[in-house]
């Protein structure tokens, strides 16, 4: 990749973490937080050498939580109360600074480089702090104050299928995660709907591979005579699927046969079921065929 520097950040979203345990990781639908001016991240980490025979022989590393500092326009009180675990009265538009609820959230945003390309970021689990505020008297200058809030990110309890990569065997094993970063400079990942749901290591797909989600065979029933032929049509979903190839099969070739292209021919009186199967995902649909003499 060419050399670039960061020059921009936008699309700051948040979503409440609804489930995070050994059975799954589920978040609410992401919502726009507020126009963002700056996002910075630091990670608690330390390294220490252990000595044997007067030599440093082992280095012990540790990694803690991420601290993500977000500078943004002051969010609506209803949103601020939600992300900080406080209460909001929709009747009066009042935020009540009461005892906090212990809620976890995911955040997403993207950073722009000087080359015009983006990195998409998803931080999977953390909590927002109660922001500090500074309000100064108005004068004849142009100084203003925005809101700075910290998001403390931690590892998920759920272990994703893409958790730990073994470069020798080129296989993945399960593991928890704090977040993901997708760089469009590689041109490999599909980021068209990145902000429609919280993205995890298991949900980001390759841009060149749109998976099949189903298939429909029409017509669903056919009546024909011996030696009569009829053409079936298989419609693969979605329309943008990368691999739309299918195969056909007859449950009774003595009654009705089917070609690789889906053309059915009556052979003898009776009933048969024609099944279409997608190559990608093995989705199926059927057509009931009746042959009369």
Protein backbone atom coordinates (compact mmCIF):
# COMPACT_ATOMS: atom_id res chain seq x y z
CA UNK A 1 0.00 0.00 0.00
CA UNK A 2 1.07 3.60 -0.58
CA UNK A 3 2.06 5.85 2.31
CA UNK A 4 -0.81 7.83 3.79
CA UNK A 5 -1.74 9.74 6.93
CA UNK A 6 -5.06 9.97 8.74
CA UNK A 7 -7.13 13.00 7.85
CA UNK A 8 -10.72 12.59 8.92
CA UNK A 9 -13.17 10.60 11.02
CA UNK A 10 -16.94 10.23 10.70
CA UNK A 11 -19.95 7.92 11.06
CA UNK A 12 -19.83 7.40 14.83
CA UNK A 13 -22.46 4.81 15.82
CA UNK A 14 -23.32 3.07 19.07
CA UNK A 15 -25.37 -0.04 19.92
CA UNK A 16 -26.24 -1.66 23.22
CA UNK A 17 -24.79 -5.13 23.82
CA UNK A 18 -27.82 -7.32 24.50
CA UNK A 19 -26.04 -10.66 24.91
CA UNK A 20 -22.44 -11.63 25.47
CA UNK A 21 -21.87 -15.13 26.81
CA UNK A 22 -20.75 -18.54 25.64
CA UNK A 23 -23.93 -18.91 23.60
CA UNK A 24 -23.71 -15.78 21.49
CA UNK A 25 -22.94 -12.10 20.94
CA UNK A 26 -25.96 -9.93 20.09
CA UNK A 27 -26.27 -6.13 19.82
CA UNK A 28 -29.13 -3.76 19.17
CA UNK A 29 -29.40 -1.93 15.84
CA UNK A 30 -26.68 0.75 15.66
CA UNK A 31 -27.73 4.41 16.02
CA UNK A 32 -25.84 7.56 15.09
CA UNK A 33 -24.25 9.06 18.20
CA UNK A 34 -23.25 12.62 17.29
CA UNK A 35 -21.05 14.46 14.79
CA UNK A 36 -17.49 13.54 15.75
CA UNK A 37 -14.40 15.74 15.68
CA UNK A 38 -11.66 13.42 16.92
CA UNK A 39 -11.18 9.85 18.18
CA UNK A 40 -8.05 8.64 19.93
CA UNK A 41 -7.18 5.20 21.37
CA UNK A 42 -4.70 4.04 23.98
CA UNK A 43 -4.23 0.52 25.31
CA UNK A 44 -3.00 -0.45 28.75
CA UNK A 45 0.04 -2.66 28.16
CA UNK A 46 3.30 -3.54 29.84
CA UNK A 47 6.36 -5.70 29.20
CA UNK A 48 8.81 -6.98 31.76
CA UNK A 49 11.96 -9.07 31.35
CA UNK A 50 12.61 -11.96 33.75
CA UNK A 51 16.25 -12.83 34.42
CA UNK A 52 17.96 -16.24 34.75
CA UNK A 53 21.70 -16.81 35.05
CA UNK A 54 22.15 -13.05 35.01
CA UNK A 55 20.48 -12.82 31.59
CA UNK A 56 17.14 -11.56 30.41
CA UNK A 57 15.60 -14.79 29.07
CA UNK A 58 11.82 -14.29 29.19
CA UNK A 59 9.67 -11.26 28.38
CA UNK A 60 6.25 -11.20 30.05
CA UNK A 61 3.62 -9.13 28.23
CA UNK A 62 0.24 -8.03 29.50
CA UNK A 63 -2.59 -6.14 27.85
CA UNK A 64 -5.47 -4.35 29.53
CA UNK A 65 -8.46 -2.33 28.46
CA UNK A 66 -8.62 0.15 25.58
CA UNK A 67 -9.37 3.79 26.36
CA UNK A 68 -11.02 5.48 23.41
CA UNK A 69 -11.36 9.24 23.75
CA UNK A 70 -14.15 10.71 21.63
CA UNK A 71 -14.43 14.45 20.98
CA UNK A 72 -17.83 15.25 19.51
CA UNK A 73 -20.65 17.74 19.37
CA UNK A 74 -22.82 17.62 22.51
CA UNK A 75 -25.25 14.70 21.99
CA UNK A 76 -28.96 14.90 22.70
CA UNK A 77 -29.79 14.39 26.37
CA UNK A 78 -31.84 11.28 25.56
CA UNK A 79 -28.78 9.72 23.92
CA UNK A 80 -26.36 10.93 26.60
CA UNK A 81 -28.53 9.47 29.35
CA UNK A 82 -28.70 6.12 27.54
CA UNK A 83 -24.99 5.66 26.92
CA UNK A 84 -24.02 6.80 30.43
CA UNK A 85 -26.66 4.68 32.18
CA UNK A 86 -28.69 7.55 33.57
CA UNK A 87 -32.38 8.37 33.31
CA UNK A 88 -34.25 10.56 30.82
CA UNK A 89 -37.78 11.96 31.13
CA UNK A 90 -39.28 12.26 27.62
CA UNK A 91 -42.18 14.37 28.94
CA UNK A 92 -39.98 17.20 30.18
CA UNK A 93 -36.80 16.54 28.18
CA UNK A 94 -34.91 16.18 31.45
CA UNK A 95 -31.81 14.12 32.16
CA UNK A 96 -31.78 12.85 35.75
CA UNK A 97 -28.32 12.43 37.21
CA UNK A 98 -29.21 9.37 39.30
CA UNK A 99 -27.58 6.03 40.06
CA UNK A 100 -26.07 4.58 36.88
CA UNK A 101 -27.29 1.45 35.14
CA UNK A 102 -24.52 -0.97 34.23
CA UNK A 103 -24.84 -1.30 30.45
CA UNK A 104 -22.32 -2.25 27.79
CA UNK A 105 -22.17 -0.86 24.28
CA UNK A 106 -20.41 -1.37 20.98
CA UNK A 107 -19.23 1.57 18.88
CA UNK A 108 -18.36 1.88 15.19
CA UNK A 109 -16.76 4.61 13.10
CA UNK A 110 -14.48 5.10 10.12
CA UNK A 111 -11.25 7.01 9.62
CA UNK A 112 -10.19 8.63 6.36
CA UNK A 113 -6.68 8.82 4.96
CA UNK A 114 -5.00 11.46 2.85
CA UNK A 115 -5.40 9.05 -0.08
CA UNK A 116 -9.20 9.20 0.25
CA UNK A 117 -9.58 5.59 1.42
CA UNK A 118 -11.08 4.44 4.71
CA UNK A 119 -10.54 2.18 7.68
CA UNK A 120 -13.76 0.91 9.25
CA UNK A 121 -13.60 0.26 12.99
CA UNK A 122 -15.90 -1.75 15.25
CA UNK A 123 -15.24 -1.83 19.02
CA UNK A 124 -17.31 -4.67 20.35
CA UNK A 125 -17.82 -4.10 24.07
CA UNK A 126 -17.24 -1.32 26.56
CA UNK A 127 -18.74 1.41 28.70
CA UNK A 128 -18.94 5.17 28.35
CA UNK A 129 -17.84 7.37 31.22
CA UNK A 130 -19.76 10.42 32.44
CA UNK A 131 -18.16 13.23 30.42
CA UNK A 132 -16.48 16.28 31.91
CA UNK A 133 -17.93 19.58 30.77
CA UNK A 134 -16.44 23.06 30.57
CA UNK A 135 -18.61 26.09 29.91
CA UNK A 136 -17.03 29.50 29.52
CA UNK A 137 -18.65 32.91 29.38
CA UNK A 138 -19.43 34.24 25.94
CA UNK A 139 -17.11 36.89 24.54
CA UNK A 140 -16.32 38.49 21.20
CA UNK A 141 -14.05 35.60 20.17
CA UNK A 142 -14.82 32.34 18.33
CA UNK A 143 -13.97 29.91 21.14
CA UNK A 144 -16.53 27.18 21.88
CA UNK A 145 -16.67 24.00 23.94
CA UNK A 146 -17.59 20.52 22.75
CA UNK A 147 -18.02 17.21 24.60
CA UNK A 148 -15.25 14.74 25.33
CA UNK A 149 -16.25 11.29 26.47
CA UNK A 150 -14.22 8.14 27.10
CA UNK A 151 -15.18 4.62 26.04
CA UNK A 152 -13.40 1.84 27.91
CA UNK A 153 -13.23 -1.22 25.67
CA UNK A 154 -12.80 -4.77 26.92
CA UNK A 155 -12.79 -8.30 25.50
CA UNK A 156 -16.03 -10.12 24.75
CA UNK A 157 -16.95 -13.22 26.72
CA UNK A 158 -18.20 -14.85 23.51
CA UNK A 159 -15.54 -16.59 21.44
CA UNK A 160 -15.81 -15.93 17.71
CA UNK A 161 -14.97 -18.54 15.09
CA UNK A 162 -12.33 -16.16 13.74
CA UNK A 163 -10.52 -15.63 17.03
CA UNK A 164 -6.98 -16.95 16.61
CA UNK A 165 -5.31 -17.53 13.25
CA UNK A 166 -2.70 -20.25 12.74
CA UNK A 167 -0.54 -19.08 9.84
CA UNK A 168 1.10 -22.49 9.41
CA UNK A 169 -2.11 -24.47 8.97
CA UNK A 170 -4.05 -21.43 7.64
CA UNK A 171 -6.94 -22.21 9.97
CA UNK A 172 -8.93 -20.32 12.57
CA UNK A 173 -9.77 -21.29 16.13
CA UNK A 174 -12.23 -19.70 18.54
CA UNK A 175 -11.31 -16.65 20.59
CA UNK A 176 -12.75 -13.48 22.13
CA UNK A 177 -12.07 -10.03 20.69
CA UNK A 178 -12.11 -6.32 21.55
CA UNK A 179 -12.74 -5.08 18.04
CA UNK A 180 -11.98 -5.25 14.33
CA UNK A 181 -10.47 -2.88 11.76
CA UNK A 182 -11.26 -3.23 8.04
CA UNK A 183 -9.04 -1.33 5.59
CA UNK A 184 -10.50 -0.62 2.15
CA UNK A 185 -6.99 -0.25 0.74
CA UNK A 186 -6.85 -4.04 0.40
CA UNK A 187 -10.08 -4.04 -1.59
CA UNK A 188 -11.03 -7.38 -0.06
CA UNK A 189 -13.86 -6.77 2.43
CA UNK A 190 -17.48 -5.89 1.78
CA UNK A 191 -18.21 -2.68 3.72
CA UNK A 192 -21.37 -1.63 1.89
CA UNK A 193 -23.56 -2.31 4.94
CA UNK A 194 -20.92 -1.94 7.64
CA UNK A 195 -23.03 0.32 9.87
CA UNK A 196 -26.34 -1.53 9.50
CA UNK A 197 -25.36 -3.95 12.29
CA UNK A 198 -22.46 -4.28 14.71
CA UNK A 199 -19.70 -6.01 12.76
CA UNK A 200 -17.69 -8.82 14.37
CA UNK A 201 -14.84 -11.06 13.20
CA UNK A 202 -17.45 -13.54 11.95
CA UNK A 203 -19.75 -11.15 10.06
CA UNK A 204 -17.38 -9.35 7.69
CA UNK A 205 -17.44 -11.04 4.29
CA UNK A 206 -15.12 -10.79 1.32
CA UNK A 207 -16.23 -8.27 -1.29
CA UNK A 208 -15.80 -10.81 -4.06
CA UNK A 209 -18.05 -13.38 -2.42
CA UNK A 210 -21.74 -12.65 -1.94
CA UNK A 211 -23.21 -15.83 -0.38
CA UNK A 212 -26.41 -17.50 -1.58
CA UNK A 213 -29.37 -17.23 0.81
CA UNK A 214 -31.98 -19.35 -1.00
CA UNK A 215 -33.45 -20.65 -4.25
CA UNK A 216 -36.95 -20.79 -5.75
CA UNK A 217 -38.02 -23.30 -8.41
CA UNK A 218 -40.89 -22.36 -10.73
CA UNK A 219 -43.36 -23.69 -11.51
CA UNK A 220 -43.82 -25.62 -8.27
CA UNK A 221 -46.14 -28.22 -9.84
CA UNK A 222 -46.21 -29.63 -13.38
CA UNK A 223 -48.56 -32.00 -15.23
CA UNK A 224 -47.41 -33.41 -18.58
CA UNK A 225 -47.85 -36.36 -20.88
CA UNK A 226 -45.33 -38.98 -21.90
CA UNK A 227 -42.57 -37.47 -24.07
CA UNK A 228 -43.82 -33.96 -23.28
CA UNK A 229 -41.19 -31.49 -21.99
CA UNK A 230 -41.36 -28.42 -19.76
CA UNK A 231 -38.67 -25.94 -18.69
CA UNK A 232 -38.17 -25.20 -14.97
CA UNK A 233 -36.58 -21.96 -13.77
CA UNK A 234 -34.39 -21.70 -10.65
CA UNK A 235 -34.07 -18.21 -9.17
CA UNK A 236 -31.13 -17.86 -6.79
CA UNK A 237 -31.20 -15.23 -4.04
CA UNK A 238 -29.81 -12.69 -3.67
CA UNK A 239 -29.55 -11.46 -7.23
CA UNK A 240 -25.97 -10.35 -6.52
CA UNK A 241 -24.86 -13.81 -5.33
CA UNK A 242 -21.40 -14.70 -6.58
CA UNK A 243 -22.07 -18.36 -7.36
CA UNK A 244 -25.53 -18.94 -8.86
CA UNK A 245 -24.83 -22.42 -10.15
CA UNK A 246 -27.39 -25.16 -9.35
CA UNK A 247 -27.94 -28.87 -9.98
CA UNK A 248 -31.16 -30.82 -10.65
CA UNK A 249 -32.28 -34.25 -9.56
CA UNK A 250 -35.34 -36.43 -10.22
CA UNK A 251 -36.68 -38.73 -7.53
CA UNK A 252 -37.98 -41.14 -10.19
CA UNK A 253 -36.10 -41.10 -13.48
CA UNK A 254 -38.39 -43.82 -14.80
CA UNK A 255 -41.28 -41.34 -14.56
CA UNK A 256 -39.58 -38.03 -15.38
CA UNK A 257 -36.05 -36.99 -16.22
CA UNK A 258 -34.44 -33.57 -15.85
CA UNK A 259 -31.47 -32.08 -17.70
CA UNK A 260 -28.64 -30.04 -16.20
CA UNK A 261 -30.46 -26.96 -17.47
CA UNK A 262 -33.75 -27.81 -15.75
CA UNK A 263 -35.79 -29.23 -18.65
CA UNK A 264 -38.17 -31.97 -17.49
CA UNK A 265 -39.41 -34.79 -19.78
CA UNK A 266 -42.23 -37.22 -19.08
CA UNK A 267 -41.13 -40.88 -19.42
CA UNK A 268 -44.03 -42.94 -18.03
CA UNK A 269 -47.21 -42.44 -16.04
CA UNK A 270 -46.65 -41.65 -12.38
CA UNK A 271 -45.29 -39.02 -10.01
CA UNK A 272 -41.83 -37.63 -9.42
CA UNK A 273 -40.19 -34.79 -7.50
CA UNK A 274 -37.61 -32.58 -9.17
CA UNK A 275 -35.17 -31.01 -6.70
CA UNK A 276 -32.88 -28.08 -7.40
CA UNK A 277 -29.81 -27.55 -5.16
CA UNK A 278 -27.49 -24.55 -5.07
CA UNK A 279 -23.76 -25.19 -5.21
CA UNK A 280 -23.18 -22.47 -2.60
CA UNK A 281 -24.94 -23.32 0.64
CA UNK A 282 -26.87 -26.38 -0.66
CA UNK A 283 -30.24 -24.57 -0.56
CA UNK A 284 -33.08 -26.59 -2.10
CA UNK A 285 -36.52 -26.22 -3.64
CA UNK A 286 -38.78 -28.75 -5.36
CA UNK A 287 -41.32 -29.16 -8.16
CA UNK A 288 -43.95 -31.93 -8.03
CA UNK A 289 -44.35 -33.60 -11.44
CA UNK A 290 -47.30 -35.74 -12.57
CA UNK A 291 -47.00 -37.67 -15.83
CA UNK A 292 -50.13 -39.04 -17.57
CA UNK A 293 -50.29 -41.57 -20.40
